[in-house]
């Protein structure tokens, strides 16, 4: 960056307390906006974490397991212990109605830099579709941003799943 000072005497168009800067400036974001001549550091790797819908599905399986093992009497007792409504517990446990291959794919979803691949509400709508075939059709129509954490283990010949073209390998079909 260079600082050009006028060669002539200051006029009303260019006050003496102002200068024209030429060159490349980079904006730094912090509590204040600052300008720098050096370029910013390259971006770090994207932050990846399990998607919220995957965590909710895992929680639903955990809650259902607690009810099945007799650790809690019923869904109402789960709701009281967690401080949630019975309706919310029902919403969570409805996620376990998904086809097993779809559940595997949901558990593999990641949120990349805070962007969730799908909403829980959309997934609940698919879970209420009825049969597993209808659920797969419903997932096929969803706009899904898939970012799998790791490949799904191969248990049988590959079958193209309906979650955005992701290939799932599973023996769990209906």
Protein backbone atom coordinates (compact mmCIF):
# COMPACT_ATOMS: atom_id res chain seq x y z
CA UNK A 1 0.00 0.00 0.00
CA UNK A 2 1.28 3.42 -0.81
CA UNK A 3 0.31 6.78 0.47
CA UNK A 4 -0.03 9.41 -2.17
CA UNK A 5 0.15 12.97 -1.00
CA UNK A 6 -0.99 15.70 -3.31
CA UNK A 7 1.85 17.55 -5.03
CA UNK A 8 -0.16 20.73 -5.14
CA UNK A 9 -1.45 22.83 -2.33
CA UNK A 10 -4.63 21.55 -0.68
CA UNK A 11 -7.83 22.76 -2.22
CA UNK A 12 -11.39 22.61 -1.09
CA UNK A 13 -11.77 19.30 -2.96
CA UNK A 14 -9.05 17.45 -0.97
CA UNK A 15 -8.71 18.57 2.63
CA UNK A 16 -5.21 18.39 4.10
CA UNK A 17 -6.26 15.87 6.75
CA UNK A 18 -7.22 13.25 4.13
CA UNK A 19 -5.01 11.03 2.02
CA UNK A 20 -5.64 8.72 -0.91
CA UNK A 21 -4.60 5.15 -0.27
CA UNK A 22 -3.76 2.80 -3.11
CA UNK A 23 -3.06 -0.91 -2.92
CA UNK A 24 -4.85 -3.94 -1.55
CA UNK A 25 -6.48 -3.81 1.86
CA UNK A 26 -7.96 -6.75 3.74
CA UNK A 27 -10.75 -6.36 6.24
CA UNK A 28 -10.30 -8.05 9.62
CA UNK A 29 -13.40 -8.98 11.56
CA UNK A 30 -13.26 -8.49 15.27
CA UNK A 31 -14.99 -6.20 17.72
CA UNK A 32 -13.83 -3.36 15.47
CA UNK A 33 -13.33 -3.37 11.75
CA UNK A 34 -9.67 -2.97 10.92
CA UNK A 35 -7.84 -2.92 7.63
CA UNK A 36 -4.54 -4.67 7.02
CA UNK A 37 -2.09 -5.00 4.17
CA UNK A 38 -1.51 -8.70 4.85
CA UNK A 39 -4.04 -11.20 3.54
CA UNK A 40 -6.07 -13.20 6.05
CA UNK A 41 -4.94 -16.65 7.09
CA UNK A 42 -6.36 -19.51 5.06
CA UNK A 43 -9.64 -20.93 6.35
CA UNK A 44 -9.39 -23.80 8.75
CA UNK A 45 -11.01 -27.16 8.08
CA UNK A 46 -14.78 -27.05 8.29
CA UNK A 47 -16.23 -27.80 11.70
CA UNK A 48 -18.11 -31.08 11.56
CA UNK A 49 -20.40 -32.49 14.22
CA UNK A 50 -23.27 -34.94 14.26
CA UNK A 51 -26.46 -33.41 12.90
CA UNK A 52 -29.12 -32.43 15.41
CA UNK A 53 -31.59 -34.83 13.83
CA UNK A 54 -29.06 -37.66 14.30
CA UNK A 55 -28.66 -36.77 17.98
CA UNK A 56 -32.45 -36.67 18.40
CA UNK A 57 -32.79 -40.11 16.78
CA UNK A 58 -30.11 -41.50 19.10
CA UNK A 59 -31.90 -39.94 22.09
CA UNK A 60 -35.17 -41.49 20.92
CA UNK A 61 -33.56 -44.93 20.86
CA UNK A 62 -32.09 -44.34 24.31
CA UNK A 63 -35.47 -43.29 25.73
CA UNK A 64 -37.28 -46.22 24.12
CA UNK A 65 -34.64 -48.58 25.52
CA UNK A 66 -35.17 -47.16 29.02
CA UNK A 67 -38.92 -47.76 28.74
CA UNK A 68 -38.40 -51.29 27.34
CA UNK A 69 -35.98 -52.25 30.14
CA UNK A 70 -38.37 -50.95 32.79
CA UNK A 71 -36.09 -48.15 34.03
CA UNK A 72 -39.05 -45.81 33.65
CA UNK A 73 -42.71 -46.77 33.71
CA UNK A 74 -43.86 -45.13 30.48
CA UNK A 75 -43.49 -42.13 28.18
CA UNK A 76 -45.22 -39.86 30.68
CA UNK A 77 -42.62 -40.77 33.31
CA UNK A 78 -39.84 -40.01 30.81
CA UNK A 79 -41.42 -36.62 30.13
CA UNK A 80 -41.64 -35.81 33.84
CA UNK A 81 -38.02 -36.85 34.50
CA UNK A 82 -36.66 -34.83 31.56
CA UNK A 83 -38.93 -31.84 32.07
CA UNK A 84 -40.45 -32.18 28.61
CA UNK A 85 -44.04 -32.49 27.52
CA UNK A 86 -45.54 -35.85 26.66
CA UNK A 87 -46.12 -34.53 23.14
CA UNK A 88 -42.41 -33.79 22.71
CA UNK A 89 -41.47 -37.28 23.92
CA UNK A 90 -43.94 -38.70 21.40
CA UNK A 91 -42.37 -36.59 18.66
CA UNK A 92 -38.92 -37.92 19.54
CA UNK A 93 -40.02 -41.53 19.77
CA UNK A 94 -41.84 -41.24 16.42
CA UNK A 95 -38.40 -41.01 14.81
CA UNK A 96 -37.88 -44.68 15.67
CA UNK A 97 -40.70 -45.51 13.22
CA UNK A 98 -38.36 -44.77 10.30
CA UNK A 99 -37.16 -47.63 8.13
CA UNK A 100 -33.91 -49.08 9.53
CA UNK A 101 -31.87 -48.16 6.46
CA UNK A 102 -33.13 -44.57 6.68
CA UNK A 103 -32.24 -44.51 10.39
CA UNK A 104 -28.69 -45.58 9.53
CA UNK A 105 -28.41 -42.77 7.01
CA UNK A 106 -29.80 -40.22 9.45
CA UNK A 107 -27.30 -41.32 12.09
CA UNK A 108 -24.51 -40.70 9.58
CA UNK A 109 -25.54 -37.10 8.87
CA UNK A 110 -23.26 -34.24 9.87
CA UNK A 111 -23.74 -30.55 10.36
CA UNK A 112 -20.88 -28.80 8.56
CA UNK A 113 -20.00 -25.33 9.88
CA UNK A 114 -23.35 -25.19 11.67
CA UNK A 115 -25.48 -25.97 8.61
CA UNK A 116 -27.96 -28.73 9.42
CA UNK A 117 -28.65 -31.16 6.55
CA UNK A 118 -32.36 -31.59 7.37
CA UNK A 119 -34.92 -30.58 9.94
CA UNK A 120 -36.45 -32.86 12.51
CA UNK A 121 -39.92 -31.72 11.45
CA UNK A 122 -39.32 -32.88 7.88
CA UNK A 123 -38.01 -36.22 9.10
CA UNK A 124 -41.03 -36.71 11.38
CA UNK A 125 -43.29 -36.12 8.38
CA UNK A 126 -41.46 -38.91 6.56
CA UNK A 127 -41.75 -41.19 9.62
CA UNK A 128 -45.54 -40.72 9.55
CA UNK A 129 -45.73 -41.66 5.87
CA UNK A 130 -46.82 -45.20 6.73
CA UNK A 131 -44.95 -48.13 5.25
CA UNK A 132 -41.21 -48.15 4.84
CA UNK A 133 -41.64 -48.03 1.06
CA UNK A 134 -43.70 -44.84 1.42
CA UNK A 135 -41.06 -43.43 3.77
CA UNK A 136 -38.33 -44.07 1.20
CA UNK A 137 -40.43 -42.31 -1.44
CA UNK A 138 -40.94 -39.38 0.93
CA UNK A 139 -37.23 -39.09 1.62
CA UNK A 140 -36.55 -39.15 -2.11
CA UNK A 141 -38.59 -35.95 -2.48
CA UNK A 142 -36.82 -34.11 0.34
CA UNK A 143 -34.14 -31.51 -0.41
CA UNK A 144 -31.35 -32.96 1.74
CA UNK A 145 -27.82 -31.73 2.25
CA UNK A 146 -25.97 -34.96 3.05
CA UNK A 147 -22.48 -34.99 4.50
CA UNK A 148 -21.79 -38.49 5.82
CA UNK A 149 -19.28 -38.84 8.64
CA UNK A 150 -17.97 -42.21 7.56
CA UNK A 151 -18.99 -44.84 5.05
CA UNK A 152 -21.75 -47.21 6.10
CA UNK A 153 -20.33 -50.73 6.69
CA UNK A 154 -21.03 -53.27 3.96
CA UNK A 155 -23.35 -56.00 5.24
CA UNK A 156 -25.00 -57.01 1.97
CA UNK A 157 -24.86 -56.06 -1.71
CA UNK A 158 -25.25 -52.30 -2.12
CA UNK A 159 -28.69 -50.87 -2.60
CA UNK A 160 -29.17 -47.24 -3.57
CA UNK A 161 -31.05 -45.54 -0.78
CA UNK A 162 -33.44 -42.72 -1.36
CA UNK A 163 -31.70 -40.12 0.78
CA UNK A 164 -30.24 -37.95 -1.95
CA UNK A 165 -28.61 -40.84 -3.83
CA UNK A 166 -26.42 -41.96 -0.92
CA UNK A 167 -25.59 -45.65 -1.14
CA UNK A 168 -26.48 -47.59 1.97
CA UNK A 169 -25.51 -51.16 2.68
CA UNK A 170 -27.82 -52.95 5.01
CA UNK A 171 -29.66 -56.20 5.47
CA UNK A 172 -32.51 -54.48 7.31
CA UNK A 173 -35.37 -54.12 4.84
CA UNK A 174 -39.06 -54.62 4.99
